[in-house]
């Protein structure tokens, strides 16, 4: 009796559950209908979605275009930094990453665009930092160019000083060489006959057994004490030098040309106004006319004189 009483209140429960199910089903139908109304039946919502998609694609395209521009800027920065002698390894790495990114397929989603924009900001920061580095490199290069120009100027000035010193030294050497040239003084040209009698010019052939030439070497405190070869040249009025190797004649260089001399002596110059004497026997008659006698030492002329033969 008591068990029957306890089970009777449970009987209305199935009706309540069925009612709840109906309510839930109705609500689902309403939601579906509203969804269909929004996405299919409402053209304004469709236009909004299309506009939103277009805007997203445009934003993606603009970001990709900016990446393309940054690639060109990276190329320019690499070239400029290399020209200035800077390090471009980070720029080369960024360029390689950027080229890979541009080749990758992209979807017009907010997440994709945000990731690309983050990359753009990173590349722009890198370019900005490189601009600062380039300015520093330009400043350093400018200082180096200034120092280089200064060094070149100093080098040129030093070169000019050396050239001037060399020129002065050469001029001094030339002056010393000229000052050290020996000079003949007290020149006498005499004819000596077979009996040893001497006569001054003009001469007759019968008086010219030998031609005697004598002179002193003038004092010269610049010339060094050393051995010298003193040469005489007897030149006729046609410009021909009396020359006979068997009688001691030879050649020497004067003004870059080989010239003949008539006779020579080897002496030790001692700056004592030493006197030199030449006795030259021609071995044949002299042609009538005027003659010139020249005295040489090394490659310069010491003096000259004239005589005549009748």
Protein backbone atom coordinates (compact mmCIF):
# COMPACT_ATOMS: atom_id res chain seq x y z
CA UNK A 1 0.00 0.00 0.00
CA UNK A 2 2.78 2.32 0.85
CA UNK A 3 4.78 1.46 -2.33
CA UNK A 4 1.81 2.39 -4.60
CA UNK A 5 1.51 5.80 -2.97
CA UNK A 6 5.24 6.62 -3.53
CA UNK A 7 5.16 5.99 -7.31
CA UNK A 8 2.07 8.03 -8.26
CA UNK A 9 3.69 11.64 -8.26
CA UNK A 10 6.18 10.64 -10.99
CA UNK A 11 3.60 10.09 -13.77
CA UNK A 12 3.33 13.84 -15.12
CA UNK A 13 7.16 14.05 -15.82
CA UNK A 14 7.10 12.82 -19.44
CA UNK A 15 4.69 15.61 -20.46
CA UNK A 16 7.00 18.31 -19.07
CA UNK A 17 10.04 16.88 -20.91
CA UNK A 18 8.18 16.77 -24.20
CA UNK A 19 7.16 20.40 -23.80
CA UNK A 20 10.77 21.51 -23.24
CA UNK A 21 11.88 19.69 -26.34
CA UNK A 22 9.27 21.48 -28.40
CA UNK A 23 10.38 24.87 -27.06
CA UNK A 24 14.05 24.18 -27.90
CA UNK A 25 13.15 23.06 -31.40
CA UNK A 26 11.12 26.21 -31.99
CA UNK A 27 14.01 28.40 -30.86
CA UNK A 28 16.40 26.57 -33.22
CA UNK A 29 13.99 27.13 -36.10
CA UNK A 30 13.81 30.84 -35.26
CA UNK A 31 17.62 31.11 -35.22
CA UNK A 32 17.95 29.33 -38.54
CA UNK A 33 15.30 31.51 -40.08
CA UNK A 34 16.99 34.65 -38.80
CA UNK A 35 20.30 33.41 -40.20
CA UNK A 36 18.77 32.76 -43.59
CA UNK A 37 17.19 36.17 -43.48
CA UNK A 38 20.50 37.84 -42.69
CA UNK A 39 22.79 35.99 -45.14
CA UNK A 40 20.42 35.26 -47.97
CA UNK A 41 17.56 37.60 -47.88
CA UNK A 42 19.32 40.82 -46.64
CA UNK A 43 21.43 42.33 -49.53
CA UNK A 44 22.90 44.99 -47.24
CA UNK A 45 24.67 42.40 -45.12
CA UNK A 46 25.99 40.75 -48.24
CA UNK A 47 27.40 44.06 -49.47
CA UNK A 48 28.99 44.68 -46.08
CA UNK A 49 30.73 41.34 -46.18
CA UNK A 50 31.93 41.92 -49.76
CA UNK A 51 33.25 45.37 -48.81
CA UNK A 52 35.01 43.93 -45.77
CA UNK A 53 36.66 41.23 -47.89
CA UNK A 54 37.71 43.78 -50.52
CA UNK A 55 39.19 46.04 -47.87
CA UNK A 56 41.12 43.15 -46.37
CA UNK A 57 42.52 42.19 -49.80
CA UNK A 58 43.49 45.80 -50.51
CA UNK A 59 45.23 46.02 -47.15
CA UNK A 60 47.11 42.82 -47.97
CA UNK A 61 48.09 44.12 -51.42
CA UNK A 62 49.30 47.42 -49.95
CA UNK A 63 51.40 45.58 -47.38
CA UNK A 64 52.93 43.33 -50.05
CA UNK A 65 53.62 46.40 -52.21
CA UNK A 66 55.41 48.01 -49.27
CA UNK A 67 57.53 44.86 -48.86
CA UNK A 68 58.44 45.09 -52.55
CA UNK A 69 59.48 48.72 -52.09
CA UNK A 70 61.55 47.79 -49.04
CA UNK A 71 63.37 45.20 -51.17
CA UNK A 72 64.45 48.00 -53.54
CA UNK A 73 65.52 50.13 -50.58
CA UNK A 74 67.56 47.22 -49.22
CA UNK A 75 69.37 46.89 -52.58
CA UNK A 76 70.18 50.60 -52.51
CA UNK A 77 71.40 50.46 -48.91
CA UNK A 78 73.58 47.43 -49.62
CA UNK A 79 75.25 49.21 -52.53
CA UNK A 80 75.79 52.40 -50.51
CA UNK A 81 77.19 50.63 -47.43
CA UNK A 82 79.52 48.52 -49.59
CA UNK A 83 80.78 51.68 -51.30
CA UNK A 84 81.54 53.18 -47.89
CA UNK A 85 83.28 49.99 -46.72
CA UNK A 86 80.65 48.97 -44.15
CA UNK A 87 79.22 45.56 -43.14
CA UNK A 88 76.19 44.44 -45.19
CA UNK A 89 75.69 40.93 -43.77
CA UNK A 90 72.50 41.88 -41.87
CA UNK A 91 71.11 43.65 -44.93
CA UNK A 92 71.86 40.64 -47.15
CA UNK A 93 70.12 38.34 -44.65
CA UNK A 94 67.05 40.62 -44.48
CA UNK A 95 66.92 40.80 -48.27
CA UNK A 96 67.01 37.00 -48.56
CA UNK A 97 64.20 36.63 -45.99
CA UNK A 98 62.15 39.29 -47.77
CA UNK A 99 62.53 37.61 -51.16
CA UNK A 100 61.35 34.33 -49.64
CA UNK A 101 58.37 36.10 -48.04
CA UNK A 102 57.36 37.71 -51.35
CA UNK A 103 57.36 34.33 -53.09
CA UNK A 104 55.13 32.72 -50.42
CA UNK A 105 51.37 32.34 -51.10
CA UNK A 106 49.39 34.72 -48.87
CA UNK A 107 45.79 34.69 -47.68
CA UNK A 108 43.75 37.83 -47.06
CA UNK A 109 43.20 37.29 -43.35
CA UNK A 110 43.66 39.64 -40.44
CA UNK A 111 46.30 37.35 -38.94
CA UNK A 112 48.29 37.23 -42.20
CA UNK A 113 48.16 40.99 -42.64
CA UNK A 114 49.25 41.61 -39.05
CA UNK A 115 52.22 39.29 -39.48
CA UNK A 116 53.24 41.04 -42.70
CA UNK A 117 52.87 44.49 -41.12
CA UNK A 118 55.10 43.37 -38.26
CA UNK A 119 57.72 42.38 -40.81
CA UNK A 120 57.36 45.75 -42.56
CA UNK A 121 57.97 47.54 -39.26
CA UNK A 122 61.04 45.39 -38.61
CA UNK A 123 62.51 46.08 -42.05
CA UNK A 124 61.80 49.80 -41.76
CA UNK A 125 63.56 49.88 -38.40
CA UNK A 126 66.54 48.09 -39.96
CA UNK A 127 66.64 50.64 -42.79
CA UNK A 128 66.46 53.49 -40.31
CA UNK A 129 69.35 52.07 -38.31
CA UNK A 130 71.34 51.65 -41.53
CA UNK A 131 70.68 55.28 -42.41
CA UNK A 132 72.33 56.26 -39.13
CA UNK A 133 75.22 53.88 -39.82
CA UNK A 134 75.63 55.30 -43.32
CA UNK A 135 75.86 58.84 -41.94
CA UNK A 136 78.57 57.68 -39.54
CA UNK A 137 80.42 55.94 -42.36
CA UNK A 138 80.18 59.08 -44.50
CA UNK A 139 81.58 61.13 -41.64
CA UNK A 140 84.46 58.68 -41.14
CA UNK A 141 85.16 58.59 -44.88
CA UNK A 142 85.10 62.38 -45.02
CA UNK A 143 87.64 62.56 -42.20
CA UNK A 144 89.80 59.97 -43.93
CA UNK A 145 89.60 61.89 -47.23
CA UNK A 146 90.56 65.08 -45.41
CA UNK A 147 93.49 63.33 -43.76
CA UNK A 148 94.45 61.77 -47.09
CA UNK A 149 94.38 65.14 -48.83
CA UNK A 150 96.42 66.58 -45.99
CA UNK A 151 98.95 63.77 -46.29
CA UNK A 152 99.10 64.24 -50.07
CA UNK A 153 99.64 67.96 -49.58
CA UNK A 154 102.40 67.30 -47.08
CA UNK A 155 103.89 64.71 -49.42
CA UNK A 156 103.79 67.15 -52.33
CA UNK A 157 105.32 69.87 -50.18
CA UNK A 158 108.00 67.45 -49.04
CA UNK A 159 108.55 66.40 -52.66
CA UNK A 160 108.84 70.05 -53.67
CA UNK A 161 111.31 70.65 -50.86
CA UNK A 162 113.35 67.63 -51.90
CA UNK A 163 113.27 68.75 -55.52
CA UNK A 164 114.31 72.26 -54.55
CA UNK A 165 117.05 70.85 -52.36
CA UNK A 166 118.16 68.55 -55.16
CA UNK A 167 118.07 71.42 -57.61
CA UNK A 168 120.02 73.62 -55.23
CA UNK A 169 122.47 70.80 -54.68
CA UNK A 170 122.81 70.33 -58.43
CA UNK A 171 123.27 74.06 -58.96
CA UNK A 172 125.88 74.11 -56.21
CA UNK A 173 127.61 71.10 -57.74
CA UNK A 174 127.58 72.83 -61.13
CA UNK A 175 129.01 75.97 -59.60
CA UNK A 176 131.68 73.99 -57.77
CA UNK A 177 132.50 72.10 -60.97
CA UNK A 178 132.81 75.34 -62.90
CA UNK A 179 134.81 76.96 -60.11
CA UNK A 180 137.12 73.96 -59.97
CA UNK A 181 137.97 74.17 -63.69
CA UNK A 182 141.61 74.93 -64.26
CA UNK A 183 142.68 77.98 -66.23
CA UNK A 184 145.82 78.55 -68.29
CA UNK A 185 147.65 81.85 -67.86
CA UNK A 186 150.83 83.46 -69.17
CA UNK A 187 150.48 81.54 -72.43
CA UNK A 188 153.43 81.84 -74.84
CA UNK A 189 153.67 80.26 -78.31
CA UNK A 190 157.20 80.19 -79.75
CA UNK A 191 159.03 78.78 -82.75
CA UNK A 192 162.27 76.90 -81.97
CA UNK A 193 164.76 76.35 -84.80
CA UNK A 194 167.28 73.55 -85.10
CA UNK A 195 169.87 75.56 -83.12
CA UNK A 196 167.39 76.11 -80.26
CA UNK A 197 166.74 79.76 -80.96
CA UNK A 198 163.23 80.89 -80.03
CA UNK A 199 161.08 83.40 -81.90
CA UNK A 200 157.60 84.79 -81.36
CA UNK A 201 154.86 84.79 -83.97
CA UNK A 202 154.69 85.29 -86.88
CA UNK A 203 156.99 82.45 -87.91
CA UNK A 204 158.61 81.22 -91.06
CA UNK A 205 158.70 77.49 -91.76
CA UNK A 206 162.50 77.40 -91.60
CA UNK A 207 162.23 78.77 -88.07
CA UNK A 208 159.70 76.12 -87.03
CA UNK A 209 161.82 73.13 -86.18
CA UNK A 210 159.55 72.71 -83.15
CA UNK A 211 156.57 74.58 -81.79
CA UNK A 212 156.99 75.48 -78.14
CA UNK A 213 153.92 76.09 -75.98
CA UNK A 214 154.28 77.11 -72.36
CA UNK A 215 151.83 78.39 -69.73
CA UNK A 216 151.09 78.33 -66.02
CA UNK A 217 148.08 76.70 -64.41
CA UNK A 218 146.33 79.45 -62.47
CA UNK A 219 145.80 79.10 -58.74
CA UNK A 220 142.49 77.42 -57.87
CA UNK A 221 141.59 76.73 -54.23
CA UNK A 222 138.40 74.89 -55.19
CA UNK A 223 139.99 72.33 -57.51
CA UNK A 224 141.10 69.12 -55.78
CA UNK A 225 144.71 67.98 -55.75
CA UNK A 226 144.65 65.15 -58.28
CA UNK A 227 146.01 63.83 -61.53
CA UNK A 228 145.03 65.71 -64.68
CA UNK A 229 145.49 65.21 -68.41
CA UNK A 230 146.28 68.51 -70.15
CA UNK A 231 145.80 68.53 -73.96
CA UNK A 232 146.65 71.06 -76.66
CA UNK A 233 145.08 71.38 -80.09
CA UNK A 234 146.74 73.14 -83.05
CA UNK A 235 144.03 74.14 -85.54
CA UNK A 236 144.64 75.65 -88.98
CA UNK A 237 142.47 78.35 -90.48
CA UNK A 238 140.34 75.69 -92.21
CA UNK A 239 139.40 74.21 -88.85
CA UNK A 240 141.58 71.10 -89.28
CA UNK A 241 143.42 69.81 -86.20
CA UNK A 242 147.08 68.86 -86.65
CA UNK A 243 146.96 65.21 -85.73
CA UNK A 244 149.55 62.43 -85.71
CA UNK A 245 149.13 59.39 -83.49
CA UNK A 246 152.82 58.54 -83.89
CA UNK A 247 153.67 61.91 -82.32
CA UNK A 248 151.29 61.56 -79.36
CA UNK A 249 147.99 62.74 -80.80
CA UNK A 250 144.68 61.22 -79.71
CA UNK A 251 140.98 61.90 -79.05
CA UNK A 252 138.79 63.10 -76.15
CA UNK A 253 135.15 63.98 -75.56
CA UNK A 254 134.14 67.63 -75.64
CA UNK A 255 130.50 68.78 -75.51
CA UNK A 256 129.39 65.22 -76.12
CA UNK A 257 131.48 64.81 -79.28
CA UNK A 258 134.76 63.03 -79.95
CA UNK A 259 137.49 65.54 -80.83
CA UNK A 260 141.17 65.26 -81.81
CA UNK A 261 144.02 66.70 -79.79
CA UNK A 262 147.56 67.32 -81.01
CA UNK A 263 149.59 66.56 -77.88
CA UNK A 264 149.02 65.92 -74.16
CA UNK A 265 150.72 65.62 -70.75
CA UNK A 266 149.73 63.77 -67.56
CA UNK A 267 150.40 65.86 -64.44
CA UNK A 268 149.56 66.02 -60.76
CA UNK A 269 147.77 69.28 -60.14
CA UNK A 270 149.00 70.67 -56.82
CA UNK A 271 147.74 74.27 -57.00
CA UNK A 272 151.26 75.75 -57.10
CA UNK A 273 150.85 77.65 -60.39
CA UNK A 274 152.94 74.94 -61.98
CA UNK A 275 154.37 75.65 -65.45
CA UNK A 276 153.81 73.29 -68.36
CA UNK A 277 155.89 73.21 -71.57
CA UNK A 278 155.12 71.39 -74.81
CA UNK A 279 157.63 70.96 -77.65
CA UNK A 280 155.77 69.69 -80.69
CA UNK A 281 157.64 68.64 -83.82
CA UNK A 282 155.27 68.44 -86.78
CA UNK A 283 157.69 66.64 -89.11
CA UNK A 284 156.61 68.70 -92.16
CA UNK A 285 156.12 72.32 -93.13
CA UNK A 286 153.14 74.29 -91.86
CA UNK A 287 150.82 75.71 -94.45
CA UNK A 288 150.98 79.47 -94.46
CA UNK A 289 148.14 81.06 -92.52
CA UNK A 290 146.75 81.77 -89.09
CA UNK A 291 146.58 79.03 -86.45
CA UNK A 292 144.71 78.67 -83.19
CA UNK A 293 146.10 76.86 -80.18
CA UNK A 294 143.59 75.57 -77.62
CA UNK A 295 144.31 74.05 -74.20
CA UNK A 296 141.94 71.48 -72.64
CA UNK A 297 141.63 69.55 -69.40
CA UNK A 298 139.14 66.72 -69.05
CA UNK A 299 136.15 68.01 -71.08
CA UNK A 300 136.55 71.77 -70.74
CA UNK A 301 138.77 74.44 -72.31
CA UNK A 302 141.49 76.03 -70.16
CA UNK A 303 142.54 78.75 -72.58
CA UNK A 304 143.62 79.56 -76.12
CA UNK A 305 146.04 81.62 -78.24
CA UNK A 306 146.98 82.31 -81.87
CA UNK A 307 150.05 82.30 -84.06
CA UNK A 308 150.76 82.85 -87.73
CA UNK A 309 153.05 81.13 -90.26
CA UNK A 310 154.33 83.05 -93.28
